[in-house]
Amino acid sequence: MNNYSRYILHNKSALVGMVLASFYFGFIFPCLINK
């Protein structure tokens, strides 16, 4: 059970990181292109 929960936690953190990265790119890219 401990291994399973740890795997889920790692997956969740990776997913959050990808979402944050996509948000950053979606916000910074248009700003760079507009300049």
C-alpha atoms as a PDB file:
ATOM      1  CA  MET A   1       0.000   0.000   0.000  1.00  0.00           C
ATOM      2  CA  ASN A   2       2.842   2.394   0.875  1.00  0.00           C
ATOM      3  CA  ASN A   3       4.499   1.854  -2.499  1.00  0.00           C
ATOM      4  CA  TYR A   4       1.192   2.393  -4.303  1.00  0.00           C
ATOM      5  CA  SER A   5       0.426   5.653  -2.470  1.00  0.00           C
ATOM      6  CA  ARG A   6       3.985   6.861  -3.107  1.00  0.00           C
ATOM      7  CA  TYR A   7       3.571   6.094  -6.834  1.00  0.00           C
ATOM      8  CA  ILE A   8       0.280   8.030  -6.908  1.00  0.00           C
ATOM      9  CA  LEU A   9       1.883  10.990  -5.116  1.00  0.00           C
ATOM     10  CA  HIS A  10       4.807  11.040  -7.566  1.00  0.00           C
ATOM     11  CA  ASN A  11       2.409  10.888 -10.519  1.00  0.00           C
ATOM     12  CA  LYS A  12       0.336  13.732  -9.088  1.00  0.00           C
ATOM     13  CA  SER A  13       3.410  15.937  -8.557  1.00  0.00           C
ATOM     14  CA  ALA A  14       4.606  15.245 -12.111  1.00  0.00           C
ATOM     15  CA  LEU A  15       1.139  16.057 -13.474  1.00  0.00           C
ATOM     16  CA  VAL A  16       1.011  19.329 -11.515  1.00  0.00           C
ATOM     17  CA  GLY A  17       4.479  20.216 -12.808  1.00  0.00           C
ATOM     18  CA  MET A  18       3.385  19.638 -16.408  1.00  0.00           C
ATOM     19  CA  VAL A  19       0.246  21.755 -15.913  1.00  0.00           C
ATOM     20  CA  LEU A  20       2.267  24.588 -14.362  1.00  0.00           C
ATOM     21  CA  ALA A  21       4.794  24.406 -17.214  1.00  0.00           C
ATOM     22  CA  SER A  22       1.996  24.577 -19.802  1.00  0.00           C
ATOM     23  CA  PHE A  23       0.485  27.583 -18.001  1.00  0.00           C
ATOM     24  CA  TYR A  24       3.870  29.338 -17.917  1.00  0.00           C
ATOM     25  CA  PHE A  25       4.470  28.695 -21.633  1.00  0.00           C
ATOM     26  CA  GLY A  26       0.920  29.741 -22.518  1.00  0.00           C
ATOM     27  CA  PHE A  27       1.369  33.013 -20.617  1.00  0.00           C
ATOM     28  CA  ILE A  28       5.015  33.876 -21.380  1.00  0.00           C
ATOM     29  CA  PHE A  29       5.044  32.874 -25.063  1.00  0.00           C
ATOM     30  CA  PRO A  30       2.324  35.351 -26.187  1.00  0.00           C
ATOM     31  CA  CYS A  31       4.065  38.102 -24.176  1.00  0.00           C
ATOM     32  CA  LEU A  32       7.372  37.392 -25.932  1.00  0.00           C
ATOM     33  CA  ILE A  33       5.685  37.257 -29.341  1.00  0.00           C
ATOM     34  CA  ASN A  34       3.808  40.529 -28.718  1.00  0.00           C
ATOM     35  CA  LYS A  35       7.018  42.403 -27.863  1.00  0.00           C
END
